[in-house]
Each structure stands twice: as structure tokens, then as C-alpha cells.
């Protein structure tokens, strides 16, 4: 089922999960995807914000067939053939999906790799209030930059700490600071000392929040960042995973450098 839409409207598709051994076919016009694109990025709208990279191909002009990656998504979210999926096109190759137990009841549960917290279905559109979470209750990736390599790491990397992932590009290797670093926590002040640690290597650096309204959720690491790269012998582009192991009394980031294609 496809909702009728006018120019500028958001396109949504409602489909049964079906048999995982068969490709999922979505009646989205393939012109929605960037030219030459052969993958979708599907984010599960369940609060975890897990993003899956799923291979796709056009099936005629008005349909997209999902391939490699679809079965993994199906199994990790423990779908049943009768489950109802609501796909929403967010733009270009980005989609979100809501999972329903049956018409009118949305599923809320962890993926197969996590402990199940709540499997009780809830009615759609029900207004709910949530108690504020403790600062360290949430773990997992706190940012998912738009990149196939990052999406793959975000899905497979396991840590007891919140973490974020950044591309250390060739351009960033030539600068004296690391920009666009997400805030570690709301109560971490500006101009704070940060310990960067990679194995036995430890370097002190400085974190500053950006000023003004633009990029208000980001900052930069400087004064020690270049020395840290030099000690870690990083001279070619890498993916860097930053685990936020501590914010009190001091901020400590555990850094792992990964190769990517």
C-alpha cells in the first residue's frame, strides 16, 4: 500500500514483513534514489536509531527490491511474516521504518543482540510520558555520520560506554584540530581537558563547544590532537571510534583507529 502524495509530501509505504528468504519489494518509484545508488540506509524508529545498509535494485519504474542486508535486519528484529512495516522516505537514500505487531499496535523490543526489555505492544498515537533517563543509561553510538563504513561499524561495534565515530580524512590529517565532535554530555563544560587514550598511548587535549546556533551540538578537540595522531602513527585516513569512558571527574576518551574502504 502506497499513500497518495503530491509534490513535496513525504512518501510512506505499508507492507507485511513476509518471508525473509524472499526479497522485500517496496512500491517506491526508483527515481527517488540518487542516480546510480544501489543501497538504502534504513533507520529503525524505535529509540535505538539503528541504521542498516541494505542493497537495493530497481524492479521496473515503480518498485524497489531489497537484497543483501534485508535478511539480517529481519532476523535481528525478530520479525514475523505477519508483522506490518511502515517505511518512510526521508530523502535521497535514507528511510525510516516502524514495526507493528498487528494493525494498530507497534512493537517495542530490543534487537537479537541485546537483552529484551519490553515486549508489550502499545497502541499507536497513544500519548506517553517518560521519566528522564539517567545520564549513563544509554549506550551505543551517539552519532551516525552518513557513510556505509560508519553504518557497518555502528551495527557491529560493542562497548559498555557510549561512543561516537568520525572519519579522520586526509583533509583532517592536515589540520591542528578535530572539528564536529559531538557533545559528550550536557554537563561537560566548555574548554575542558580531555584525555585521549589508545592502548598505552595517552595524550591530554582540549575540548571546546562551538559558539552560536549553528552546530550547537558539536565542538572541537585541539591542543594535543596532532600530537596524539603522531604518537599513534596515524598518517593515512582512518575511522576513529571514540568511547566515552568517563566524564567525571575528568573526561576520558578511548580511541580505536580502524581501516575502511
Foldseek 3Di string as FASTA:
>chain_A
DWDDDDPPDKTKFKDFLADLVAWDKTQAFPVQADPPDQWAWEFEPQPLRQIWIWGWDDDPGGMITTDPGSSVVCQQQVGDRRKMKMWIDPGHRYIYIWIAPHVQWTAHFGTPVDDTDDGDTDGPPDDDDDDDDDQFPDAAEPDQPPDPQSSVCRVPDDDSFHKYKDKCAQVVLPDQKAWFAFDPGPPQDAFAWEWEDEPPDIWIWTWGADDDDPSRRITMIHDTPNVSCVVVVPNHMWMKMWGFPDPPPHTYTYIDTHHDD
